[in-house]
């Protein structure tokens, strides 16, 4: 009886140790997109697109036309995040498919409120997409 209890204690500790050793993986891109989706945001406009013949397009060009650092989040067949400095642009490659897309600005000045963008976009083969983020003053 003592052996059986000792074996049960070892087995129970082993199972508990496995559960404790396998923490749930946190996806920072999914967290950021969910945070933006749940907060006040602007619907992300569809990107401009140019269709190509033959081989698939190179992907997407991101343009930051703001004085702020922009953080782009893509979650779909692949997950990607891109930080883009003010006035800069970059090309990225995405796998074809449907993506949740979010963009937020990192304001460095006080009293500056910039709503993040969120949307669902489909990216197809034989196409190149352009996303340009710029500042438009609010109407009074």
N, C-alpha and C. Protein backbone atom coordinates (compact mmCIF):
# COMPACT_ATOMS: atom_id res chain seq x y z
N UNK A 1 0.82 -1.18 0.00
CA UNK A 1 0.00 0.00 0.00
C UNK A 1 0.86 1.25 0.00
N UNK A 2 1.96 1.23 0.75
CA UNK A 2 2.85 2.38 0.81
C UNK A 2 3.49 2.60 -0.55
N UNK A 3 3.89 1.52 -1.23
CA UNK A 3 4.49 1.64 -2.56
C UNK A 3 3.51 2.27 -3.53
N UNK A 4 2.27 1.85 -3.50
CA UNK A 4 1.26 2.37 -4.40
C UNK A 4 1.05 3.86 -4.16
N UNK A 5 1.01 4.28 -2.92
CA UNK A 5 0.83 5.70 -2.60
C UNK A 5 2.05 6.50 -3.06
N UNK A 6 3.24 5.97 -2.85
CA UNK A 6 4.46 6.67 -3.27
C UNK A 6 4.49 6.79 -4.79
N UNK A 7 4.10 5.73 -5.51
CA UNK A 7 4.07 5.76 -6.96
C UNK A 7 3.06 6.79 -7.45
N UNK A 8 1.90 6.86 -6.80
CA UNK A 8 0.88 7.84 -7.16
C UNK A 8 1.40 9.26 -6.93
N UNK A 9 2.10 9.48 -5.84
CA UNK A 9 2.66 10.79 -5.55
C UNK A 9 3.68 11.19 -6.60
N UNK A 10 4.56 10.28 -7.01
CA UNK A 10 5.55 10.56 -8.05
C UNK A 10 4.86 10.85 -9.37
N UNK A 11 3.85 10.06 -9.74
CA UNK A 11 3.12 10.26 -10.98
C UNK A 11 2.39 11.60 -10.97
N UNK A 12 1.73 11.92 -9.86
CA UNK A 12 1.01 13.19 -9.76
C UNK A 12 1.96 14.37 -9.86
N UNK A 13 3.13 14.28 -9.21
CA UNK A 13 4.11 15.35 -9.29
C UNK A 13 4.66 15.49 -10.71
N UNK A 14 4.86 14.38 -11.38
CA UNK A 14 5.36 14.41 -12.76
C UNK A 14 4.35 15.09 -13.68
N UNK A 15 3.08 14.74 -13.52
CA UNK A 15 2.04 15.36 -14.35
C UNK A 15 1.94 16.84 -14.05
N UNK A 16 1.96 17.22 -12.79
CA UNK A 16 1.89 18.63 -12.41
C UNK A 16 3.10 19.38 -12.94
N UNK A 17 4.26 18.75 -12.89
CA UNK A 17 5.48 19.38 -13.40
C UNK A 17 5.42 19.60 -14.90
N UNK A 18 4.82 18.66 -15.65
CA UNK A 18 4.68 18.83 -17.09
C UNK A 18 3.75 19.99 -17.41
N UNK A 19 2.67 20.09 -16.66
CA UNK A 19 1.72 21.17 -16.89
C UNK A 19 2.37 22.51 -16.60
N UNK A 20 3.16 22.58 -15.54
CA UNK A 20 3.81 23.83 -15.18
C UNK A 20 4.94 24.16 -16.16
N UNK A 21 5.58 23.16 -16.72
CA UNK A 21 6.70 23.38 -17.62
C UNK A 21 6.28 23.81 -19.01
N UNK A 22 5.00 23.66 -19.35
CA UNK A 22 4.54 24.00 -20.69
C UNK A 22 3.61 25.21 -20.64
N UNK A 23 4.19 26.43 -20.42
CA UNK A 23 3.34 27.61 -20.37
C UNK A 23 2.74 27.91 -21.74
N UNK A 24 1.58 28.53 -21.72
CA UNK A 24 0.90 28.87 -22.95
C UNK A 24 1.69 29.94 -23.69
N UNK A 25 1.95 29.72 -24.97
CA UNK A 25 2.72 30.66 -25.79
C UNK A 25 1.87 31.88 -26.10
N UNK A 26 2.43 33.06 -25.89
CA UNK A 26 1.73 34.31 -26.14
C UNK A 26 2.24 34.90 -27.45
N UNK A 27 1.33 35.20 -28.37
CA UNK A 27 1.68 35.79 -29.66
C UNK A 27 1.54 37.30 -29.55
N UNK A 28 2.66 38.04 -29.54
CA UNK A 28 2.58 39.49 -29.37
C UNK A 28 1.84 40.20 -30.50
N UNK A 29 1.91 39.67 -31.72
CA UNK A 29 1.19 40.28 -32.84
C UNK A 29 -0.31 40.12 -32.65
N UNK A 30 -0.75 38.92 -32.27
CA UNK A 30 -2.17 38.69 -32.00
C UNK A 30 -2.65 39.56 -30.85
N UNK A 31 -1.83 39.71 -29.81
CA UNK A 31 -2.20 40.57 -28.69
C UNK A 31 -2.38 42.02 -29.13
N UNK A 32 -1.44 42.52 -29.93
CA UNK A 32 -1.51 43.91 -30.41
C UNK A 32 -2.74 44.11 -31.28
N UNK A 33 -3.00 43.18 -32.20
CA UNK A 33 -4.15 43.31 -33.09
C UNK A 33 -5.45 43.26 -32.28
N UNK A 34 -5.55 42.36 -31.33
CA UNK A 34 -6.76 42.29 -30.50
C UNK A 34 -6.95 43.53 -29.66
N UNK A 35 -5.87 44.08 -29.14
CA UNK A 35 -5.95 45.32 -28.35
C UNK A 35 -6.48 46.46 -29.22
N UNK A 36 -5.96 46.59 -30.43
CA UNK A 36 -6.40 47.65 -31.35
C UNK A 36 -7.84 47.41 -31.79
N UNK A 37 -8.18 46.17 -32.10
CA UNK A 37 -9.53 45.83 -32.55
C UNK A 37 -10.57 46.16 -31.48
N UNK A 38 -10.24 45.95 -30.22
CA UNK A 38 -11.18 46.21 -29.12
C UNK A 38 -11.26 47.68 -28.73
N UNK A 39 -10.28 48.47 -29.15
CA UNK A 39 -10.27 49.89 -28.77
C UNK A 39 -10.87 50.73 -29.90
N UNK A 40 -10.99 52.03 -29.65
CA UNK A 40 -11.45 52.95 -30.70
C UNK A 40 -10.41 52.95 -31.81
N UNK A 41 -10.84 52.67 -33.04
CA UNK A 41 -9.92 52.61 -34.17
C UNK A 41 -10.64 53.09 -35.44
N UNK A 42 -9.87 53.29 -36.47
CA UNK A 42 -10.37 53.65 -37.78
C UNK A 42 -10.26 52.41 -38.66
N UNK A 43 -11.27 52.20 -39.53
CA UNK A 43 -11.20 51.05 -40.43
C UNK A 43 -10.06 51.25 -41.42
N UNK A 44 -9.23 50.25 -41.53
CA UNK A 44 -8.08 50.30 -42.42
C UNK A 44 -8.57 50.30 -43.87
N UNK A 45 -8.24 51.34 -44.64
CA UNK A 45 -8.67 51.36 -46.03
C UNK A 45 -7.97 50.26 -46.84
N UNK A 46 -8.62 49.84 -47.91
CA UNK A 46 -8.01 48.82 -48.78
C UNK A 46 -6.75 49.39 -49.41
N UNK A 47 -5.72 48.58 -49.54
CA UNK A 47 -4.48 49.08 -50.15
C UNK A 47 -4.67 49.28 -51.66
N UNK A 48 -3.82 50.12 -52.23
CA UNK A 48 -3.80 50.25 -53.68
C UNK A 48 -3.17 48.97 -54.22
N UNK A 49 -3.58 48.57 -55.41
CA UNK A 49 -3.07 47.32 -55.96
C UNK A 49 -2.75 47.48 -57.44
N UNK A 50 -1.67 46.84 -57.86
CA UNK A 50 -1.30 46.78 -59.27
C UNK A 50 -1.12 45.30 -59.59
N UNK A 51 -1.90 44.82 -60.56
CA UNK A 51 -1.81 43.41 -60.93
C UNK A 51 -0.68 43.22 -61.93
N UNK A 52 0.01 42.10 -61.80
CA UNK A 52 1.16 41.80 -62.65
C UNK A 52 0.86 40.55 -63.47
N UNK A 53 1.58 40.39 -64.54
CA UNK A 53 1.44 39.19 -65.37
C UNK A 53 2.57 38.23 -65.03
N UNK A 54 2.32 36.96 -65.22
CA UNK A 54 3.37 35.97 -64.97
C UNK A 54 3.56 35.69 -63.50
N UNK A 55 4.80 35.82 -63.06
CA UNK A 55 5.14 35.51 -61.67
C UNK A 55 4.41 36.43 -60.70
N UNK A 56 4.29 35.96 -59.49
CA UNK A 56 3.61 36.73 -58.44
C UNK A 56 4.35 38.03 -58.18
N UNK A 57 3.61 39.04 -57.75
CA UNK A 57 4.19 40.32 -57.39
C UNK A 57 5.14 40.18 -56.21
N UNK A 58 5.86 41.24 -55.92
CA UNK A 58 6.84 41.20 -54.84
C UNK A 58 6.23 41.32 -53.47
N UNK A 59 4.93 41.60 -53.40
CA UNK A 59 4.30 41.69 -52.08
C UNK A 59 3.67 43.03 -51.84
N UNK A 60 4.25 43.81 -50.94
CA UNK A 60 3.63 45.04 -50.50
C UNK A 60 4.68 46.10 -50.21
N UNK A 61 4.33 47.35 -50.55
CA UNK A 61 5.16 48.49 -50.18
C UNK A 61 4.42 49.26 -49.10
N UNK A 62 5.08 49.48 -47.98
CA UNK A 62 4.52 50.27 -46.88
C UNK A 62 5.19 51.63 -46.89
N UNK A 63 4.39 52.70 -46.79
CA UNK A 63 4.91 54.07 -46.81
C UNK A 63 4.42 54.80 -45.57
N UNK A 64 5.36 55.40 -44.84
CA UNK A 64 5.02 56.19 -43.67
C UNK A 64 5.13 57.67 -44.02
N UNK A 65 3.98 58.30 -44.29
CA UNK A 65 3.94 59.72 -44.61
C UNK A 65 3.60 60.57 -43.39
N UNK A 66 4.00 60.11 -42.20
CA UNK A 66 3.70 60.82 -40.96
C UNK A 66 5.00 61.20 -40.25
N UNK A 67 4.91 62.08 -39.26
CA UNK A 67 6.10 62.39 -38.46
C UNK A 67 6.28 61.43 -37.28
N UNK A 68 5.57 60.30 -37.29
CA UNK A 68 5.59 59.35 -36.18
C UNK A 68 6.13 57.99 -36.61
N UNK A 69 6.66 57.25 -35.65
CA UNK A 69 7.02 55.86 -35.89
C UNK A 69 5.73 55.06 -36.02
N UNK A 70 5.60 54.26 -37.08
CA UNK A 70 4.42 53.42 -37.28
C UNK A 70 4.78 51.97 -37.05
N UNK A 71 3.87 51.25 -36.41
CA UNK A 71 4.02 49.82 -36.20
C UNK A 71 2.91 49.12 -36.98
N UNK A 72 3.28 48.28 -37.95
CA UNK A 72 2.33 47.51 -38.77
C UNK A 72 2.29 46.08 -38.23
N UNK A 73 1.08 45.53 -38.12
CA UNK A 73 0.90 44.15 -37.67
C UNK A 73 0.08 43.40 -38.72
N UNK A 74 0.55 42.22 -39.11
CA UNK A 74 -0.15 41.36 -40.06
C UNK A 74 -0.32 39.99 -39.43
N UNK A 75 -1.56 39.48 -39.44
CA UNK A 75 -1.81 38.14 -38.90
C UNK A 75 -2.71 37.41 -39.88
N UNK A 76 -2.20 36.33 -40.45
CA UNK A 76 -2.92 35.52 -41.42
C UNK A 76 -2.16 34.23 -41.63
N UNK A 77 -1.97 33.84 -42.90
CA UNK A 77 -1.17 32.63 -43.15
C UNK A 77 0.24 32.74 -42.56
N UNK A 78 0.77 33.97 -42.47
CA UNK A 78 2.01 34.23 -41.74
C UNK A 78 1.76 35.42 -40.83
N UNK A 79 2.57 35.55 -39.81
CA UNK A 79 2.47 36.67 -38.88
C UNK A 79 3.70 37.53 -39.06
N UNK A 80 3.48 38.84 -39.15
CA UNK A 80 4.60 39.74 -39.39
C UNK A 80 4.34 41.07 -38.70
N UNK A 81 5.39 41.69 -38.23
CA UNK A 81 5.32 43.04 -37.69
C UNK A 81 6.45 43.85 -38.30
N UNK A 82 6.14 45.12 -38.62
CA UNK A 82 7.12 46.00 -39.24
C UNK A 82 7.07 47.35 -38.55
N UNK A 83 8.21 47.85 -38.09
CA UNK A 83 8.31 49.20 -37.55
C UNK A 83 8.87 50.08 -38.66
N UNK A 84 8.21 51.21 -38.90
CA UNK A 84 8.61 52.07 -40.02
C UNK A 84 8.79 53.50 -39.51
N UNK A 85 9.99 54.03 -39.68
CA UNK A 85 10.32 55.38 -39.21
C UNK A 85 9.61 56.43 -40.06
N UNK A 86 9.45 57.64 -39.50
CA UNK A 86 8.79 58.72 -40.24
C UNK A 86 9.43 58.99 -41.59
N UNK A 87 8.59 59.16 -42.62
CA UNK A 87 9.07 59.49 -43.95
C UNK A 87 9.73 58.35 -44.71
N UNK A 88 9.72 57.15 -44.17
CA UNK A 88 10.40 56.01 -44.80
C UNK A 88 9.39 55.07 -45.46
N UNK A 89 9.90 54.19 -46.31
CA UNK A 89 9.09 53.15 -46.92
C UNK A 89 9.90 51.86 -46.94
N UNK A 90 9.19 50.73 -47.08
CA UNK A 90 9.85 49.44 -47.14
C UNK A 90 8.98 48.46 -47.92
N UNK A 91 9.61 47.46 -48.48
CA UNK A 91 8.89 46.38 -49.18
C UNK A 91 8.89 45.15 -48.29
N UNK A 92 7.74 44.47 -48.25
CA UNK A 92 7.65 43.22 -47.50
C UNK A 92 7.02 42.16 -48.39
N UNK A 93 7.25 40.91 -48.06
CA UNK A 93 6.64 39.79 -48.77
C UNK A 93 5.64 39.13 -47.84
N UNK A 94 4.45 38.87 -48.36
CA UNK A 94 3.42 38.17 -47.61
C UNK A 94 2.94 36.98 -48.41
N UNK A 95 2.60 35.92 -47.73
CA UNK A 95 2.00 34.75 -48.37
C UNK A 95 0.56 35.13 -48.75
N UNK A 96 0.10 34.63 -49.87
CA UNK A 96 -1.27 34.90 -50.32
C UNK A 96 -2.26 34.45 -49.27
N UNK A 97 -3.31 35.25 -49.04
CA UNK A 97 -4.34 34.86 -48.09
C UNK A 97 -5.02 36.05 -47.45
N UNK A 98 -5.85 35.76 -46.45
CA UNK A 98 -6.61 36.77 -45.71
C UNK A 98 -5.84 37.12 -44.44
N UNK A 99 -5.72 38.43 -44.19
CA UNK A 99 -4.98 38.92 -43.04
C UNK A 99 -5.79 39.90 -42.21
N UNK A 100 -5.59 39.84 -40.91
CA UNK A 100 -5.98 40.93 -40.03
C UNK A 100 -4.79 41.89 -40.07
N UNK A 101 -5.09 43.18 -40.31
CA UNK A 101 -4.04 44.18 -40.42
C UNK A 101 -4.33 45.29 -39.42
N UNK A 102 -3.31 45.71 -38.70
CA UNK A 102 -3.46 46.83 -37.77
C UNK A 102 -2.21 47.71 -37.87
N UNK A 103 -2.43 49.00 -37.67
CA UNK A 103 -1.32 49.96 -37.69
C UNK A 103 -1.54 50.92 -36.54
N UNK A 104 -0.46 51.17 -35.79
CA UNK A 104 -0.56 52.18 -34.75
C UNK A 104 0.66 53.09 -34.81
N UNK A 105 0.43 54.35 -34.44
CA UNK A 105 1.50 55.34 -34.42
C UNK A 105 2.00 55.49 -32.99
N UNK A 106 3.27 55.67 -32.87
CA UNK A 106 3.89 55.92 -31.56
C UNK A 106 4.13 57.42 -31.45
N UNK A 107 3.16 58.13 -30.85
CA UNK A 107 3.25 59.58 -30.70
C UNK A 107 4.30 59.93 -29.65
N UNK A 108 5.13 60.90 -29.96
CA UNK A 108 6.16 61.32 -29.02
C UNK A 108 5.79 62.62 -28.32
N UNK A 109 4.75 63.30 -28.81
CA UNK A 109 4.33 64.56 -28.21
C UNK A 109 3.10 64.33 -27.33
N UNK A 110 3.02 65.08 -26.26
CA UNK A 110 1.85 65.01 -25.39
C UNK A 110 0.65 65.62 -26.09
N UNK A 111 -0.51 65.19 -25.66
CA UNK A 111 -1.78 65.70 -26.19
C UNK A 111 -1.99 65.41 -27.67
N UNK A 112 -1.27 64.48 -28.21
CA UNK A 112 -1.47 64.06 -29.60
C UNK A 112 -2.21 62.73 -29.56
N UNK A 113 -3.39 62.70 -30.16
CA UNK A 113 -4.19 61.48 -30.19
C UNK A 113 -4.24 60.98 -31.63
N UNK A 114 -3.76 59.79 -31.83
CA UNK A 114 -3.77 59.18 -33.16
C UNK A 114 -4.49 57.85 -33.05
N UNK A 115 -5.61 57.73 -33.73
CA UNK A 115 -6.35 56.47 -33.67
C UNK A 115 -5.65 55.43 -34.54
N UNK A 116 -5.56 54.22 -34.03
CA UNK A 116 -4.95 53.15 -34.84
C UNK A 116 -5.92 52.68 -35.92
N UNK A 117 -5.39 51.95 -36.89
CA UNK A 117 -6.17 51.36 -37.97
C UNK A 117 -6.32 49.87 -37.72
N UNK A 118 -7.46 49.32 -38.17
CA UNK A 118 -7.66 47.87 -38.12
C UNK A 118 -8.55 47.48 -39.31
N UNK A 119 -8.25 46.33 -39.92
CA UNK A 119 -9.09 45.82 -41.00
C UNK A 119 -8.72 44.41 -41.39
N UNK A 120 -9.57 43.82 -42.23
CA UNK A 120 -9.33 42.51 -42.83
C UNK A 120 -9.06 42.71 -44.31
N UNK A 121 -7.95 42.16 -44.79
CA UNK A 121 -7.60 42.31 -46.20
C UNK A 121 -7.24 40.96 -46.80
N UNK A 122 -7.59 40.80 -48.07
CA UNK A 122 -7.20 39.62 -48.84
C UNK A 122 -6.08 40.01 -49.78
N UNK A 123 -4.98 39.27 -49.74
CA UNK A 123 -3.87 39.51 -50.64
C UNK A 123 -3.77 38.33 -51.61
N UNK A 124 -3.72 38.64 -52.89
CA UNK A 124 -3.78 37.62 -53.94
C UNK A 124 -2.46 37.50 -54.69
N UNK A 125 -2.38 36.46 -55.51
CA UNK A 125 -1.19 36.26 -56.34
C UNK A 125 -1.21 37.28 -57.47
N UNK A 126 -0.08 37.43 -58.12
CA UNK A 126 0.08 38.32 -59.27
C UNK A 126 -0.35 39.74 -58.97
N UNK A 127 -0.02 40.23 -57.79
CA UNK A 127 -0.39 41.59 -57.41
C UNK A 127 0.68 42.19 -56.50
N UNK A 128 0.80 43.51 -56.60
CA UNK A 128 1.66 44.25 -55.68
C UNK A 128 0.78 45.30 -55.01
N UNK A 129 0.89 45.42 -53.69
CA UNK A 129 0.03 46.31 -52.92
C UNK A 129 0.84 47.45 -52.33
N UNK A 130 0.17 48.61 -52.19
CA UNK A 130 0.77 49.79 -51.56
C UNK A 130 -0.14 50.26 -50.43
N UNK A 131 0.48 50.48 -49.27
CA UNK A 131 -0.24 51.06 -48.14
C UNK A 131 0.52 52.32 -47.74
N UNK A 132 -0.16 53.47 -47.85
CA UNK A 132 0.46 54.74 -47.46
C UNK A 132 -0.37 55.31 -46.31
N UNK A 133 0.30 55.56 -45.20
CA UNK A 133 -0.33 56.16 -44.03
C UNK A 133 0.12 57.62 -43.96
N UNK A 134 -0.83 58.53 -43.85
CA UNK A 134 -0.51 59.95 -43.78
C UNK A 134 -1.45 60.64 -42.80
N UNK A 135 -1.12 61.87 -42.45
CA UNK A 135 -1.91 62.64 -41.49
C UNK A 135 -2.92 63.50 -42.23
N UNK A 136 -4.15 63.42 -41.77
CA UNK A 136 -5.21 64.29 -42.28
C UNK A 136 -5.81 64.99 -41.07
N UNK A 137 -5.76 66.31 -41.08
CA UNK A 137 -6.27 67.06 -39.93
C UNK A 137 -7.77 66.87 -39.80
N UNK A 138 -8.21 66.71 -38.58
CA UNK A 138 -9.64 66.52 -38.31
C UNK A 138 -10.40 67.82 -38.58
N UNK A 139 -11.62 67.68 -39.11
CA UNK A 139 -12.47 68.83 -39.35
C UNK A 139 -13.06 69.28 -38.03
N UNK A 140 -13.19 70.59 -37.87
CA UNK A 140 -13.76 71.12 -36.62
C UNK A 140 -15.25 71.24 -36.70
